[in-house]
Each structure stands twice: as structure tokens, then as C-alpha cells.
Amino acid sequence: MHEFLKPGLRNLFAERVRKHNAQKTITHNFDYTLEIVLACPDAWLPGEIFRTQARPNSTVAKLAAMLCDVNPNMAGKIKGQIISHDSGKRAVGGIVCYDNFKSFIEAEL
């Protein structure tokens, strides 16, 4: 996760928090339907589920840290997690994971 990705990610996830004007007050509501998917074979530990933390230094841990940095409103309650939609797919840290790019393509496209 190189620093040069930050401007693009910041732009891509800028709308993740939507502003709604209700009764002349502005509140922030999260788009919980967004699902972040990654081919990340090194993210898993035995028994992990959607909201558990990713393995330190794994691709998904680095992505979650960068997403929390570019849009702090995406940060979950536990460091290294992001707020995202639990679709019931295999995931860790709030990011849906696949063991390899082939399985990612087959499942998502």
C-alpha cells in the first residue's frame, strides 16, 4: 500500500459518508451497503470471522489502515477494522477476502 494510492482512494471513498439535511440539521450517515473485496491470501488465521482483525502486516491489514487514514469515518471501533457491509462472505477486518485472484474473479464477476 504505497502512499501514491492515497489521493485515488480518498477520491474513491469520499462519498462513503453521506450528508442528509433533515429538519435543518446536517447528520452524517454511513453507506453500509458498500462491500470492499480483495484477493488477500495472507489475511487469515484459524477461526476468523467478518469483524476480526486481519493478520498484522497482511494485505488486508494494510488496506484497512490506509482506508481509515484517507477517510477516518470508515474506521471501526477496533484499530485495523473498517465499517462495511457484512454480506455473509468470508471476510476479515470488514473486508471480504478471497484466497487468490482466480477465486475472486469467479465469485465476483
PDB file of N, CA and C in Angstrom:
ATOM      1  N   MET A   1       0.848  -1.175   0.000  1.00  0.00           N
ATOM      2  CA  MET A   1       0.000   0.000   0.000  1.00  0.00           C
ATOM      3  C   MET A   1       0.889   1.231   0.000  1.00  0.00           C
ATOM      4  N   HIS A   2       1.203   1.702  -1.154  1.00  0.00           N
ATOM      5  CA  HIS A   2       2.097   2.840  -1.300  1.00  0.00           C
ATOM      6  C   HIS A   2       1.339   4.158  -1.133  1.00  0.00           C
ATOM      7  N   GLU A   3       2.039   5.160  -0.682  1.00  0.00           N
ATOM      8  CA  GLU A   3       1.447   6.471  -0.430  1.00  0.00           C
ATOM      9  C   GLU A   3       0.796   7.081  -1.673  1.00  0.00           C
ATOM     10  N   PHE A   4       1.278   6.730  -2.871  1.00  0.00           N
ATOM     11  CA  PHE A   4       0.717   7.320  -4.080  1.00  0.00           C
ATOM     12  C   PHE A   4      -0.733   6.881  -4.306  1.00  0.00           C
ATOM     13  N   LEU A   5      -1.198   5.839  -3.622  1.00  0.00           N
ATOM     14  CA  LEU A   5      -2.581   5.390  -3.744  1.00  0.00           C
ATOM     15  C   LEU A   5      -3.563   6.265  -2.976  1.00  0.00           C
ATOM     16  N   LYS A   6      -3.063   7.011  -1.996  1.00  0.00           N
ATOM     17  CA  LYS A   6      -3.951   7.774  -1.114  1.00  0.00           C
ATOM     18  C   LYS A   6      -4.862   8.761  -1.835  1.00  0.00           C
ATOM     19  N   PRO A   7      -4.373   9.568  -2.775  1.00  0.00           N
ATOM     20  CA  PRO A   7      -5.304  10.505  -3.435  1.00  0.00           C
ATOM     21  C   PRO A   7      -6.444   9.788  -4.167  1.00  0.00           C
ATOM     22  N   GLY A   8      -6.143   8.705  -4.842  1.00  0.00           N
ATOM     23  CA  GLY A   8      -7.176   7.956  -5.543  1.00  0.00           C
ATOM     24  C   GLY A   8      -8.166   7.318  -4.585  1.00  0.00           C
ATOM     25  N   LEU A   9      -7.673   6.725  -3.517  1.00  0.00           N
ATOM     26  CA  LEU A   9      -8.555   6.121  -2.523  1.00  0.00           C
ATOM     27  C   LEU A   9      -9.394   7.178  -1.814  1.00  0.00           C
ATOM     28  N   ARG A  10      -8.780   8.322  -1.543  1.00  0.00           N
ATOM     29  CA  ARG A  10      -9.515   9.420  -0.895  1.00  0.00           C
ATOM     30  C   ARG A  10     -10.683   9.846  -1.787  1.00  0.00           C
ATOM     31  N   ASN A  11     -10.426   9.975  -3.080  1.00  0.00           N
ATOM     32  CA  ASN A  11     -11.473  10.349  -4.026  1.00  0.00           C
ATOM     33  C   ASN A  11     -12.521   9.248  -4.152  1.00  0.00           C
ATOM     34  N   LEU A  12     -12.089   8.005  -4.236  1.00  0.00           N
ATOM     35  CA  LEU A  12     -12.982   6.874  -4.409  1.00  0.00           C
ATOM     36  C   LEU A  12     -13.931   6.700  -3.222  1.00  0.00           C
ATOM     37  N   PHE A  13     -13.418   6.908  -2.011  1.00  0.00           N
ATOM     38  CA  PHE A  13     -14.220   6.679  -0.814  1.00  0.00           C
ATOM     39  C   PHE A  13     -14.738   7.965  -0.166  1.00  0.00           C
ATOM     40  N   ALA A  14     -14.615   9.094  -0.848  1.00  0.00           N
ATOM     41  CA  ALA A  14     -15.086  10.368  -0.290  1.00  0.00           C
ATOM     42  C   ALA A  14     -16.581  10.363  -0.038  1.00  0.00           C
ATOM     43  N   GLU A  15     -17.339   9.700  -0.867  1.00  0.00           N
ATOM     44  CA  GLU A  15     -18.790   9.678  -0.725  1.00  0.00           C
ATOM     45  C   GLU A  15     -19.272   8.593   0.236  1.00  0.00           C
ATOM     46  N   ARG A  16     -18.365   7.945   0.892  1.00  0.00           N
ATOM     47  CA  ARG A  16     -18.734   6.882   1.825  1.00  0.00           C
ATOM     48  C   ARG A  16     -19.590   7.404   2.954  1.00  0.00           C
ATOM     49  N   VAL A  17     -19.385   8.643   3.333  1.00  0.00           N
ATOM     50  CA  VAL A  17     -20.230   9.292   4.336  1.00  0.00           C
ATOM     51  C   VAL A  17     -21.105  10.282   3.589  1.00  0.00           C
ATOM     52  N   ARG A  18     -22.393  10.121   3.714  1.00  0.00           N
ATOM     53  CA  ARG A  18     -23.328  10.976   3.002  1.00  0.00           C
ATOM     54  C   ARG A  18     -23.970  11.963   3.960  1.00  0.00           C
ATOM     55  N   LYS A  19     -24.130  13.177   3.502  1.00  0.00           N
ATOM     56  CA  LYS A  19     -24.759  14.210   4.327  1.00  0.00           C
ATOM     57  C   LYS A  19     -26.232  14.302   3.969  1.00  0.00           C
ATOM     58  N   HIS A  20     -27.067  14.256   4.985  1.00  0.00           N
ATOM     59  CA  HIS A  20     -28.503  14.386   4.803  1.00  0.00           C
ATOM     60  C   HIS A  20     -28.975  15.591   5.587  1.00  0.00           C
ATOM     61  N   ASN A  21     -29.784  16.419   4.952  1.00  0.00           N
ATOM     62  CA  ASN A  21     -30.320  17.585   5.630  1.00  0.00           C
ATOM     63  C   ASN A  21     -31.727  17.253   6.097  1.00  0.00           C
ATOM     64  N   ALA A  22     -31.862  16.960   7.366  1.00  0.00           N
ATOM     65  CA  ALA A  22     -33.163  16.627   7.947  1.00  0.00           C
ATOM     66  C   ALA A  22     -33.471  17.622   9.059  1.00  0.00           C
ATOM     67  N   GLN A  23     -34.582  18.270   8.958  1.00  0.00           N
ATOM     68  CA  GLN A  23     -35.018  19.247   9.955  1.00  0.00           C
ATOM     69  C   GLN A  23     -33.957  20.314  10.209  1.00  0.00           C
ATOM     70  N   LYS A  24     -33.378  20.792   9.132  1.00  0.00           N
ATOM     71  CA  LYS A  24     -32.394  21.873   9.138  1.00  0.00           C
ATOM     72  C   LYS A  24     -31.122  21.544   9.930  1.00  0.00           C
ATOM     73  N   THR A  25     -30.866  20.278  10.164  1.00  0.00           N
ATOM     74  CA  THR A  25     -29.605  19.879  10.788  1.00  0.00           C
ATOM     75  C   THR A  25     -28.912  18.890   9.857  1.00  0.00           C
ATOM     76  N   ILE A  26     -27.630  18.940   9.831  1.00  0.00           N
ATOM     77  CA  ILE A  26     -26.872  18.029   8.969  1.00  0.00           C
ATOM     78  C   ILE A  26     -26.339  16.885   9.810  1.00  0.00           C
ATOM     79  N   THR A  27     -26.667  15.683   9.399  1.00  0.00           N
ATOM     80  CA  THR A  27     -26.155  14.494  10.074  1.00  0.00           C
ATOM     81  C   THR A  27     -25.367  13.668   9.084  1.00  0.00           C
ATOM     82  N   HIS A  28     -24.465  12.896   9.581  1.00  0.00           N
ATOM     83  CA  HIS A  28     -23.657  12.025   8.735  1.00  0.00           C
ATOM     84  C   HIS A  28     -24.201  10.612   8.828  1.00  0.00           C
ATOM     85  N   ASN A  29     -24.527  10.041   7.714  1.00  0.00           N
ATOM     86  CA  ASN A  29     -24.996   8.667   7.661  1.00  0.00           C
ATOM     87  C   ASN A  29     -24.075   7.870   6.769  1.00  0.00           C
ATOM     88  N   PHE A  30     -23.720   6.703   7.234  1.00  0.00           N
ATOM     89  CA  PHE A  30     -22.787   5.866   6.505  1.00  0.00           C
ATOM     90  C   PHE A  30     -23.492   5.050   5.442  1.00  0.00           C
ATOM     91  N   ASP A  31     -22.832   4.829   4.344  1.00  0.00           N
ATOM     92  CA  ASP A  31     -23.327   3.928   3.312  1.00  0.00           C
ATOM     93  C   ASP A  31     -22.871   2.518   3.679  1.00  0.00           C
ATOM     94  N   TYR A  32     -23.705   1.802   4.419  1.00  0.00           N
ATOM     95  CA  TYR A  32     -23.332   0.478   4.901  1.00  0.00           C
ATOM     96  C   TYR A  32     -23.431  -0.602   3.836  1.00  0.00           C
ATOM     97  N   THR A  33     -23.951  -0.242   2.664  1.00  0.00           N
ATOM     98  CA  THR A  33     -24.106  -1.259   1.625  1.00  0.00           C
ATOM     99  C   THR A  33     -22.816  -1.498   0.856  1.00  0.00           C
ATOM    100  N   LEU A  34     -21.841  -0.624   1.002  1.00  0.00           N
ATOM    101  CA  LEU A  34     -20.597  -0.782   0.274  1.00  0.00           C
ATOM    102  C   LEU A  34     -19.828  -1.983   0.789  1.00  0.00           C
ATOM    103  N   GLU A  35     -19.394  -2.806  -0.134  1.00  0.00           N
ATOM    104  CA  GLU A  35     -18.633  -4.002   0.205  1.00  0.00           C
ATOM    105  C   GLU A  35     -17.244  -3.852  -0.399  1.00  0.00           C
ATOM    106  N   ILE A  36     -16.225  -4.008   0.403  1.00  0.00           N
ATOM    107  CA  ILE A  36     -14.856  -3.926  -0.096  1.00  0.00           C
ATOM    108  C   ILE A  36     -14.322  -5.342  -0.211  1.00  0.00           C
ATOM    109  N   VAL A  37     -13.866  -5.692  -1.420  1.00  0.00           N
ATOM    110  CA  VAL A  37     -13.462  -7.055  -1.736  1.00  0.00           C
ATOM    111  C   VAL A  37     -12.013  -7.036  -2.195  1.00  0.00           C
ATOM    112  N   LEU A  38     -11.241  -8.033  -1.752  1.00  0.00           N
ATOM    113  CA  LEU A  38      -9.821  -8.086  -2.051  1.00  0.00           C
ATOM    114  C   LEU A  38      -9.375  -9.535  -2.168  1.00  0.00           C
ATOM    115  N   ALA A  39      -8.506  -9.812  -3.115  1.00  0.00           N
ATOM    116  CA  ALA A  39      -7.835 -11.110  -3.154  1.00  0.00           C
ATOM    117  C   ALA A  39      -6.646 -10.990  -2.197  1.00  0.00           C
ATOM    118  N   CYS A  40      -6.737 -11.636  -1.042  1.00  0.00           N
ATOM    119  CA  CYS A  40      -5.741 -11.437   0.012  1.00  0.00           C
ATOM    120  C   CYS A  40      -5.441 -12.766   0.714  1.00  0.00           C
ATOM    121  N   PRO A  41      -4.632 -13.611   0.114  1.00  0.00           N
ATOM    122  CA  PRO A  41      -4.404 -14.942   0.673  1.00  0.00           C
ATOM    123  C   PRO A  41      -3.704 -14.963   2.022  1.00  0.00           C
ATOM    124  N   ASP A  42      -3.061 -13.883   2.415  1.00  0.00           N
ATOM    125  CA  ASP A  42      -2.290 -13.899   3.658  1.00  0.00           C
ATOM    126  C   ASP A  42      -3.034 -13.297   4.841  1.00  0.00           C
ATOM    127  N   ALA A  43      -4.332 -13.068   4.707  1.00  0.00           N
ATOM    128  CA  ALA A  43      -5.071 -12.356   5.752  1.00  0.00           C
ATOM    129  C   ALA A  43      -5.588 -13.253   6.861  1.00  0.00           C
ATOM    130  N   TRP A  44      -5.626 -14.543   6.645  1.00  0.00           N
ATOM    131  CA  TRP A  44      -6.388 -15.435   7.519  1.00  0.00           C
ATOM    132  C   TRP A  44      -5.614 -16.032   8.680  1.00  0.00           C
ATOM    133  N   LEU A  45      -6.325 -16.197   9.767  1.00  0.00           N
ATOM    134  CA  LEU A  45      -5.913 -17.016  10.899  1.00  0.00           C
ATOM    135  C   LEU A  45      -7.067 -17.977  11.161  1.00  0.00           C
ATOM    136  N   PRO A  46      -6.851 -19.116  11.780  1.00  0.00           N
ATOM    137  CA  PRO A  46      -7.959 -20.051  12.031  1.00  0.00           C
ATOM    138  C   PRO A  46      -9.080 -19.403  12.837  1.00  0.00           C
ATOM    139  N   GLY A  47     -10.321 -19.665  12.428  1.00  0.00           N
ATOM    140  CA  GLY A  47     -11.482 -19.200  13.175  1.00  0.00           C
ATOM    141  C   GLY A  47     -11.872 -17.751  12.959  1.00  0.00           C
ATOM    142  N   GLU A  48     -11.298 -17.090  11.963  1.00  0.00           N
ATOM    143  CA  GLU A  48     -11.623 -15.679  11.762  1.00  0.00           C
ATOM    144  C   GLU A  48     -13.012 -15.500  11.160  1.00  0.00           C
ATOM    145  N   ILE A  49     -13.665 -14.430  11.574  1.00  0.00           N
ATOM    146  CA  ILE A  49     -14.957 -14.067  11.023  1.00  0.00           C
ATOM    147  C   ILE A  49     -14.907 -12.612  10.580  1.00  0.00           C
ATOM    148  N   PHE A  50     -16.016 -12.102  10.058  1.00  0.00           N
ATOM    149  CA  PHE A  50     -16.079 -10.808   9.392  1.00  0.00           C
ATOM    150  C   PHE A  50     -15.403  -9.673  10.149  1.00  0.00           C
ATOM    151  N   ARG A  51     -15.681  -9.508  11.399  1.00  0.00           N
ATOM    152  CA  ARG A  51     -15.175  -8.346  12.147  1.00  0.00           C
ATOM    153  C   ARG A  51     -13.867  -8.588  12.893  1.00  0.00           C
ATOM    154  N   THR A  52     -13.271  -9.766  12.794  1.00  0.00           N
ATOM    155  CA  THR A  52     -11.994  -9.959  13.479  1.00  0.00           C
ATOM    156  C   THR A  52     -10.898  -9.196  12.757  1.00  0.00           C
ATOM    157  N   GLN A  53      -9.813  -8.966  13.451  1.00  0.00           N
ATOM    158  CA  GLN A  53      -8.705  -8.235  12.852  1.00  0.00           C
ATOM    159  C   GLN A  53      -7.925  -9.126  11.901  1.00  0.00           C
ATOM    160  N   ALA A  54      -7.410  -8.517  10.863  1.00  0.00           N
ATOM    161  CA  ALA A  54      -6.568  -9.237   9.914  1.00  0.00           C
ATOM    162  C   ALA A  54      -5.200  -9.497  10.525  1.00  0.00           C
ATOM    163  N   ARG A  55      -4.500 -10.458   9.969  1.00  0.00           N
ATOM    164  CA  ARG A  55      -3.134 -10.719  10.425  1.00  0.00           C
ATOM    165  C   ARG A  55      -2.295  -9.469  10.251  1.00  0.00           C
ATOM    166  N   PRO A  56      -1.481  -9.145  11.228  1.00  0.00           N
ATOM    167  CA  PRO A  56      -0.625  -7.952  11.107  1.00  0.00           C
ATOM    168  C   PRO A  56       0.248  -8.050   9.859  1.00  0.00           C
ATOM    169  N   ASN A  57       0.413  -6.940   9.202  1.00  0.00           N
ATOM    170  CA  ASN A  57       1.261  -6.824   8.021  1.00  0.00           C
ATOM    171  C   ASN A  57       0.700  -7.533   6.790  1.00  0.00           C
ATOM    172  N   SER A  58      -0.543  -8.027   6.866  1.00  0.00           N
ATOM    173  CA  SER A  58      -1.156  -8.661   5.697  1.00  0.00           C
ATOM    174  C   SER A  58      -1.681  -7.583   4.755  1.00  0.00           C
ATOM    175  N   THR A  59      -2.001  -7.978   3.544  1.00  0.00           N
ATOM    176  CA  THR A  59      -2.541  -7.046   2.564  1.00  0.00           C
ATOM    177  C   THR A  59      -3.808  -6.379   3.077  1.00  0.00           C
ATOM    178  N   VAL A  60      -4.701  -7.154   3.667  1.00  0.00           N
ATOM    179  CA  VAL A  60      -5.961  -6.586   4.140  1.00  0.00           C
ATOM    180  C   VAL A  60      -5.742  -5.639   5.318  1.00  0.00           C
ATOM    181  N   ALA A  61      -4.797  -5.926   6.189  1.00  0.00           N
ATOM    182  CA  ALA A  61      -4.489  -5.018   7.297  1.00  0.00           C
ATOM    183  C   ALA A  61      -3.941  -3.693   6.778  1.00  0.00           C
ATOM    184  N   LYS A  62      -3.087  -3.759   5.773  1.00  0.00           N
ATOM    185  CA  LYS A  62      -2.530  -2.541   5.181  1.00  0.00           C
ATOM    186  C   LYS A  62      -3.605  -1.725   4.471  1.00  0.00           C
ATOM    187  N   LEU A  63      -4.508  -2.415   3.746  1.00  0.00           N
ATOM    188  CA  LEU A  63      -5.593  -1.717   3.062  1.00  0.00           C
ATOM    189  C   LEU A  63      -6.524  -1.053   4.073  1.00  0.00           C
ATOM    190  N   ALA A  64      -6.898  -1.767   5.125  1.00  0.00           N
ATOM    191  CA  ALA A  64      -7.781  -1.203   6.149  1.00  0.00           C
ATOM    192  C   ALA A  64      -7.144   0.026   6.798  1.00  0.00           C
ATOM    193  N   ALA A  65      -5.866  -0.048   7.102  1.00  0.00           N
ATOM    194  CA  ALA A  65      -5.170   1.090   7.719  1.00  0.00           C
ATOM    195  C   ALA A  65      -5.168   2.292   6.782  1.00  0.00           C
ATOM    196  N   MET A  66      -4.928   2.051   5.495  1.00  0.00           N
ATOM    197  CA  MET A  66      -4.892   3.153   4.545  1.00  0.00           C
ATOM    198  C   MET A  66      -6.297   3.747   4.354  1.00  0.00           C
ATOM    199  N   LEU A  67      -7.328   2.902   4.294  1.00  0.00           N
ATOM    200  CA  LEU A  67      -8.690   3.412   4.139  1.00  0.00           C
ATOM    201  C   LEU A  67      -9.109   4.237   5.350  1.00  0.00           C
ATOM    202  N   CYS A  68      -8.720   3.809   6.536  1.00  0.00           N
ATOM    203  CA  CYS A  68      -9.020   4.580   7.748  1.00  0.00           C
ATOM    204  C   CYS A  68      -8.273   5.901   7.743  1.00  0.00           C
ATOM    205  N   ASP A  69      -7.111   5.922   7.119  1.00  0.00           N
ATOM    206  CA  ASP A  69      -6.316   7.142   7.039  1.00  0.00           C
ATOM    207  C   ASP A  69      -6.924   8.125   6.038  1.00  0.00           C
ATOM    208  N   VAL A  70      -7.350   7.643   4.870  1.00  0.00           N
ATOM    209  CA  VAL A  70      -7.884   8.545   3.853  1.00  0.00           C
ATOM    210  C   VAL A  70      -9.311   8.993   4.161  1.00  0.00           C
ATOM    211  N   ASN A  71     -10.068   8.187   4.899  1.00  0.00           N
ATOM    212  CA  ASN A  71     -11.411   8.568   5.321  1.00  0.00           C
ATOM    213  C   ASN A  71     -11.621   8.059   6.745  1.00  0.00           C
ATOM    214  N   PRO A  72     -11.264   8.869   7.746  1.00  0.00           N
ATOM    215  CA  PRO A  72     -11.358   8.437   9.142  1.00  0.00           C
ATOM    216  C   PRO A  72     -12.754   7.975   9.565  1.00  0.00           C
ATOM    217  N   ASN A  73     -13.784   8.422   8.854  1.00  0.00           N
ATOM    218  CA  ASN A  73     -15.136   7.990   9.182  1.00  0.00           C
ATOM    219  C   ASN A  73     -15.377   6.517   8.865  1.00  0.00           C
ATOM    220  N   MET A  74     -14.466   5.888   8.127  1.00  0.00           N
ATOM    221  CA  MET A  74     -14.590   4.472   7.798  1.00  0.00           C
ATOM    222  C   MET A  74     -14.035   3.579   8.903  1.00  0.00           C
ATOM    223  N   ALA A  75     -13.330   4.169   9.848  1.00  0.00           N
ATOM    224  CA  ALA A  75     -12.665   3.376  10.881  1.00  0.00           C
ATOM    225  C   ALA A  75     -13.669   2.725  11.820  1.00  0.00           C
ATOM    226  N   GLY A  76     -13.476   1.450  12.082  1.00  0.00           N
ATOM    227  CA  GLY A  76     -14.301   0.741  13.047  1.00  0.00           C
ATOM    228  C   GLY A  76     -13.871   1.060  14.458  1.00  0.00           C
ATOM    229  N   LYS A  77     -14.516   0.428  15.419  1.00  0.00           N
ATOM    230  CA  LYS A  77     -14.197   0.677  16.825  1.00  0.00           C
ATOM    231  C   LYS A  77     -12.841   0.118  17.203  1.00  0.00           C
ATOM    232  N   ILE A  78     -12.438  -0.950  16.536  1.00  0.00           N
ATOM    233  CA  ILE A  78     -11.141  -1.574  16.798  1.00  0.00           C
ATOM    234  C   ILE A  78     -10.174  -1.150  15.710  1.00  0.00           C
ATOM    235  N   LYS A  79      -8.979  -0.735  16.097  1.00  0.00           N
ATOM    236  CA  LYS A  79      -7.979  -0.301  15.121  1.00  0.00           C
ATOM    237  C   LYS A  79      -7.711  -1.424  14.115  1.00  0.00           C
ATOM    238  N   GLY A  80      -7.644  -1.053  12.846  1.00  0.00           N
ATOM    239  CA  GLY A  80      -7.386  -2.036  11.801  1.00  0.00           C
ATOM    240  C   GLY A  80      -8.646  -2.624  11.192  1.00  0.00           C
ATOM    241  N   GLN A  81      -9.804  -2.155  11.630  1.00  0.00           N
ATOM    242  CA  GLN A  81     -11.069  -2.586  11.051  1.00  0.00           C
ATOM    243  C   GLN A  81     -11.714  -1.402  10.357  1.00  0.00           C
ATOM    244  N   ILE A  82     -12.484  -1.703   9.321  1.00  0.00           N
ATOM    245  CA  ILE A  82     -13.270  -0.660   8.690  1.00  0.00           C
ATOM    246  C   ILE A  82     -14.744  -1.020   8.830  1.00  0.00           C
ATOM    247  N   ILE A  83     -15.585  -0.019   8.743  1.00  0.00           N
ATOM    248  CA  ILE A  83     -17.017  -0.250   8.777  1.00  0.00           C
ATOM    249  C   ILE A  83     -17.461  -0.586   7.365  1.00  0.00           C
ATOM    250  N   SER A  84     -18.065  -1.719   7.183  1.00  0.00           N
ATOM    251  CA  SER A  84     -18.567  -2.119   5.874  1.00  0.00           C
ATOM    252  C   SER A  84     -19.690  -3.124   6.053  1.00  0.00           C
ATOM    253  N   HIS A  85     -20.297  -3.471   4.948  1.00  0.00           N
ATOM    254  CA  HIS A  85     -21.464  -4.346   4.926  1.00  0.00           C
ATOM    255  C   HIS A  85     -21.055  -5.809   5.115  1.00  0.00           C
ATOM    256  N   ASP A  86     -21.703  -6.501   6.039  1.00  0.00           N
ATOM    257  CA  ASP A  86     -21.451  -7.930   6.236  1.00  0.00           C
ATOM    258  C   ASP A  86     -22.409  -8.712   5.343  1.00  0.00           C
ATOM    259  N   SER A  87     -21.905  -9.132   4.202  1.00  0.00           N
ATOM    260  CA  SER A  87     -22.724  -9.847   3.230  1.00  0.00           C
ATOM    261  C   SER A  87     -22.773 -11.341   3.520  1.00  0.00           C
ATOM    262  N   GLY A  88     -22.078 -11.771   4.566  1.00  0.00           N
ATOM    263  CA  GLY A  88     -22.028 -13.189   4.886  1.00  0.00           C
ATOM    264  C   GLY A  88     -20.904 -13.918   4.181  1.00  0.00           C
ATOM    265  N   LYS A  89     -20.145 -13.189   3.374  1.00  0.00           N
ATOM    266  CA  LYS A  89     -19.000 -13.794   2.692  1.00  0.00           C
ATOM    267  C   LYS A  89     -17.826 -13.891   3.665  1.00  0.00           C
ATOM    268  N   ARG A  90     -16.849 -14.689   3.311  1.00  0.00           N
ATOM    269  CA  ARG A  90     -15.655 -14.840   4.131  1.00  0.00           C
ATOM    270  C   ARG A  90     -14.894 -13.514   4.148  1.00  0.00           C
ATOM    271  N   ALA A  91     -14.700 -12.976   5.315  1.00  0.00           N
ATOM    272  CA  ALA A  91     -14.091 -11.657   5.411  1.00  0.00           C
ATOM    273  C   ALA A  91     -13.338 -11.516   6.724  1.00  0.00           C
ATOM    274  N   VAL A  92     -12.495 -10.508   6.781  1.00  0.00           N
ATOM    275  CA  VAL A  92     -11.754 -10.200   7.999  1.00  0.00           C
ATOM    276  C   VAL A  92     -11.511  -8.689   8.031  1.00  0.00           C
ATOM    277  N   GLY A  93     -11.632  -8.092   9.200  1.00  0.00           N
ATOM    278  CA  GLY A  93     -11.415  -6.657   9.334  1.00  0.00           C
ATOM    279  C   GLY A  93     -12.437  -5.821   8.595  1.00  0.00           C
ATOM    280  N   GLY A  94     -13.549  -6.442   8.188  1.00  0.00           N
ATOM    281  CA  GLY A  94     -14.563  -5.735   7.428  1.00  0.00           C
ATOM    282  C   GLY A  94     -14.346  -5.778   5.933  1.00  0.00           C
ATOM    283  N   ILE A  95     -13.322  -6.489   5.479  1.00  0.00           N
ATOM    284  CA  ILE A  95     -13.004  -6.596   4.052  1.00  0.00           C
ATOM    285  C   ILE A  95     -13.207  -8.034   3.611  1.00  0.00           C
ATOM    286  N   VAL A  96     -14.009  -8.226   2.555  1.00  0.00           N
ATOM    287  CA  VAL A  96     -14.254  -9.561   2.017  1.00  0.00           C
ATOM    288  C   VAL A  96     -12.974 -10.043   1.349  1.00  0.00           C
ATOM    289  N   CYS A  97     -12.576 -11.270   1.671  1.00  0.00           N
ATOM    290  CA  CYS A  97     -11.294 -11.794   1.194  1.00  0.00           C
ATOM    291  C   CYS A  97     -11.474 -13.066   0.359  1.00  0.00           C
ATOM    292  N   TYR A  98     -10.619 -13.207  -0.615  1.00  0.00           N
ATOM    293  CA  TYR A  98     -10.526 -14.438  -1.404  1.00  0.00           C
ATOM    294  C   TYR A  98      -9.091 -14.918  -1.350  1.00  0.00           C
ATOM    295  N   ASP A  99      -8.929 -16.246  -1.437  1.00  0.00           N
ATOM    296  CA  ASP A  99      -7.593 -16.822  -1.299  1.00  0.00           C
ATOM    297  C   ASP A  99      -6.676 -16.501  -2.466  1.00  0.00           C
ATOM    298  N   ASN A 100      -7.260 -16.259  -3.641  1.00  0.00           N
ATOM    299  CA  ASN A 100      -6.444 -15.929  -4.805  1.00  0.00           C
ATOM    300  C   ASN A 100      -7.280 -15.136  -5.800  1.00  0.00           C
ATOM    301  N   PHE A 101      -6.611 -14.612  -6.808  1.00  0.00           N
ATOM    302  CA  PHE A 101      -7.298 -13.762  -7.771  1.00  0.00           C
ATOM    303  C   PHE A 101      -8.310 -14.561  -8.589  1.00  0.00           C
ATOM    304  N   LYS A 102      -8.020 -15.814  -8.879  1.00  0.00           N
ATOM    305  CA  LYS A 102      -8.931 -16.657  -9.648  1.00  0.00           C
ATOM    306  C   LYS A 102     -10.263 -16.833  -8.911  1.00  0.00           C
ATOM    307  N   SER A 103     -10.218 -17.138  -7.622  1.00  0.00           N
ATOM    308  CA  SER A 103     -11.455 -17.308  -6.859  1.00  0.00           C
ATOM    309  C   SER A 103     -12.201 -15.976  -6.722  1.00  0.00           C
ATOM    310  N   PHE A 104     -11.482 -14.881  -6.639  1.00  0.00           N
ATOM    311  CA  PHE A 104     -12.083 -13.554  -6.604  1.00  0.00           C
ATOM    312  C   PHE A 104     -12.874 -13.289  -7.878  1.00  0.00           C
ATOM    313  N   ILE A 105     -12.266 -13.564  -9.037  1.00  0.00           N
ATOM    314  CA  ILE A 105     -12.921 -13.342 -10.337  1.00  0.00           C
ATOM    315  C   ILE A 105     -14.144 -14.254 -10.473  1.00  0.00           C
ATOM    316  N   GLU A 106     -13.999 -15.516 -10.125  1.00  0.00           N
ATOM    317  CA  GLU A 106     -15.092 -16.453 -10.274  1.00  0.00           C
ATOM    318  C   GLU A 106     -16.303 -16.086  -9.405  1.00  0.00           C
ATOM    319  N   ALA A 107     -16.056 -15.598  -8.214  1.00  0.00           N
ATOM    320  CA  ALA A 107     -17.154 -15.283  -7.295  1.00  0.00           C
ATOM    321  C   ALA A 107     -17.777 -13.908  -7.551  1.00  0.00           C
ATOM    322  N   GLU A 108     -16.984 -12.947  -7.946  1.00  0.00           N
ATOM    323  CA  GLU A 108     -17.459 -11.567  -8.020  1.00  0.00           C
ATOM    324  C   GLU A 108     -17.870 -11.115  -9.417  1.00  0.00           C
ATOM    325  N   LEU A 109     -17.413 -11.800 -10.463  1.00  0.00           N
ATOM    326  CA  LEU A 109     -17.770 -11.345 -11.818  1.00  0.00           C
ATOM    327  C   LEU A 109     -18.750 -12.260 -12.487  1.00  0.00           C
TER     328      LEU A 109
END
